[in-house]
Amino acid sequence: MLLLIVIVILWIELGDNVYIGPSCGLYTAIHPTEYKIRNTGLEQALPIKIGNNVWLGGNVVILPGVTIGDGCVIGAGSVVTKDIAPNSVACGNPCKVIRSIEISVLEVIVRSHYNFLL
């Protein structure tokens, strides 16, 4: 069973070839921390942008206003609170980049020969 939780008050922009694992949550809503203001129903929203060729592992949470660059891999269970640079592997709570993804010469040859992405 695949469960994706999406609470949208503003837009979520998904690029091409985005893989989303089970039980991920993408949240655009922000609520005031002061309860008297929050109880009035006031809320705000910030967009989420996910680039092309991104892979989100299971149970990833993406918070309002976050941009995930092209070619990223986000590890399972991560809570993404800030932007992630393109071609990065990131994980954790809060989510942090642990390495960048470099395309090797072998990958370029295989991609051009077999005409698909690794």
Protein backbone atom coordinates (compact mmCIF):
# COMPACT_ATOMS: atom_id res chain seq x y z
CA MET A 1 0.00 0.00 0.00
CA LEU A 2 1.36 3.42 -0.98
CA LEU A 3 0.44 6.33 1.25
CA LEU A 4 1.29 9.89 0.27
CA ILE A 5 0.18 12.71 2.51
CA VAL A 6 -0.17 16.04 0.75
CA ILE A 7 -1.60 19.11 2.45
CA VAL A 8 -1.85 21.82 -0.17
CA ILE A 9 -2.85 25.38 0.38
CA LEU A 10 -0.35 26.59 -2.19
CA TRP A 11 1.25 24.75 -5.07
CA ILE A 12 3.65 21.84 -5.17
CA GLU A 13 5.78 21.75 -8.31
CA LEU A 14 7.06 18.30 -9.32
CA GLY A 15 9.64 17.88 -12.08
CA ASP A 16 9.89 14.99 -14.53
CA ASN A 17 10.82 11.50 -13.33
CA VAL A 18 10.23 12.14 -9.63
CA TYR A 19 10.06 8.96 -7.56
CA ILE A 20 8.17 9.26 -4.29
CA GLY A 21 8.45 6.44 -1.74
CA PRO A 22 5.61 5.30 0.51
CA SER A 23 4.22 7.44 3.34
CA CYS A 24 5.87 10.70 2.28
CA GLY A 25 4.40 14.03 3.42
CA LEU A 26 4.61 17.31 1.52
CA TYR A 27 3.31 20.21 3.58
CA THR A 28 2.88 23.78 2.33
CA ALA A 29 0.87 25.20 5.27
CA ILE A 30 2.39 27.28 8.07
CA HIS A 31 0.47 28.16 11.22
CA PRO A 32 1.22 30.89 13.77
CA THR A 33 2.92 29.65 16.93
CA GLU A 34 0.89 32.02 19.15
CA TYR A 35 -2.32 30.15 19.94
CA LYS A 36 -4.64 33.21 20.01
CA ILE A 37 -3.67 34.10 16.45
CA ARG A 38 -3.70 30.44 15.36
CA ASN A 39 -7.22 29.99 16.80
CA THR A 40 -8.50 32.72 14.47
CA GLY A 41 -7.79 30.34 11.58
CA LEU A 42 -4.95 32.45 10.18
CA GLU A 43 -2.48 30.46 8.16
CA GLN A 44 0.04 30.98 5.42
CA ALA A 45 1.55 28.72 2.78
CA LEU A 46 4.85 28.47 0.97
CA PRO A 47 5.41 26.47 -2.24
CA ILE A 48 7.42 23.27 -2.51
CA LYS A 49 9.52 22.70 -5.64
CA ILE A 50 11.01 19.32 -6.52
CA GLY A 51 13.30 19.18 -9.56
CA ASN A 52 13.71 16.59 -12.29
CA ASN A 53 15.03 13.07 -11.61
CA VAL A 54 14.59 13.27 -7.83
CA TRP A 55 14.09 10.22 -5.63
CA LEU A 56 12.38 10.59 -2.25
CA GLY A 57 12.77 7.56 0.01
CA GLY A 58 9.93 6.31 2.17
CA ASN A 59 8.58 8.48 5.00
CA VAL A 60 10.28 11.66 3.78
CA VAL A 61 8.70 14.88 5.08
CA ILE A 62 9.13 18.09 3.08
CA LEU A 63 8.27 21.31 4.89
CA PRO A 64 6.93 24.58 3.42
CA GLY A 65 9.13 26.69 1.16
CA VAL A 66 11.67 23.97 0.34
CA THR A 67 13.26 23.49 -3.09
CA ILE A 68 14.96 20.19 -3.93
CA GLY A 69 17.28 20.50 -6.93
CA ASP A 70 17.48 18.26 -9.99
CA GLY A 71 19.04 14.82 -9.56
CA CYS A 72 18.77 14.58 -5.77
CA VAL A 73 18.26 11.50 -3.63
CA ILE A 74 16.61 12.08 -0.25
CA GLY A 75 17.10 9.24 2.25
CA ALA A 76 14.18 7.46 3.91
CA GLY A 77 12.79 9.12 7.02
CA SER A 78 14.37 12.50 6.30
CA VAL A 79 12.75 15.79 7.32
CA VAL A 80 13.67 18.38 4.69
CA THR A 81 13.60 21.83 6.30
CA LYS A 82 15.91 23.74 3.91
CA ASP A 83 16.73 23.78 0.20
CA ILE A 84 18.85 20.92 -1.17
CA ALA A 85 21.36 21.72 -3.94
CA PRO A 86 21.10 19.85 -7.25
CA ASN A 87 22.78 16.44 -7.59
CA SER A 88 23.01 15.81 -3.86
CA VAL A 89 22.43 12.84 -1.60
CA ALA A 90 20.82 14.12 1.60
CA CYS A 91 19.31 12.50 4.67
CA GLY A 92 18.52 12.95 8.34
CA ASN A 93 16.40 15.04 10.66
CA PRO A 94 17.01 17.78 9.81
CA CYS A 95 17.99 16.66 6.32
CA LYS A 96 21.59 17.52 5.36
CA VAL A 97 23.65 16.90 2.23
CA ILE A 98 26.09 14.03 2.81
CA ARG A 99 27.66 13.99 -0.65
CA SER A 100 27.22 15.23 -4.17
CA ILE A 101 26.44 12.95 -7.10
CA GLU A 102 29.08 13.01 -9.81
CA ILE A 103 28.41 11.40 -13.16
CA SER A 104 31.29 9.06 -13.97
CA VAL A 105 32.70 8.47 -17.44
CA LEU A 106 31.36 4.90 -17.29
CA GLU A 107 27.83 6.17 -16.60
CA VAL A 108 28.06 8.54 -19.59
CA ILE A 109 29.13 5.65 -21.85
CA VAL A 110 26.41 3.32 -20.54
CA ARG A 111 23.74 6.02 -20.82
CA SER A 112 24.69 6.88 -24.40
CA HIS A 113 24.98 3.22 -25.45
CA TYR A 114 21.78 1.93 -23.82
CA ASN A 115 19.86 5.20 -24.08
CA PHE A 116 18.53 5.15 -20.51
CA LEU A 117 19.37 6.68 -17.16
CA LEU A 118 21.10 4.72 -14.42
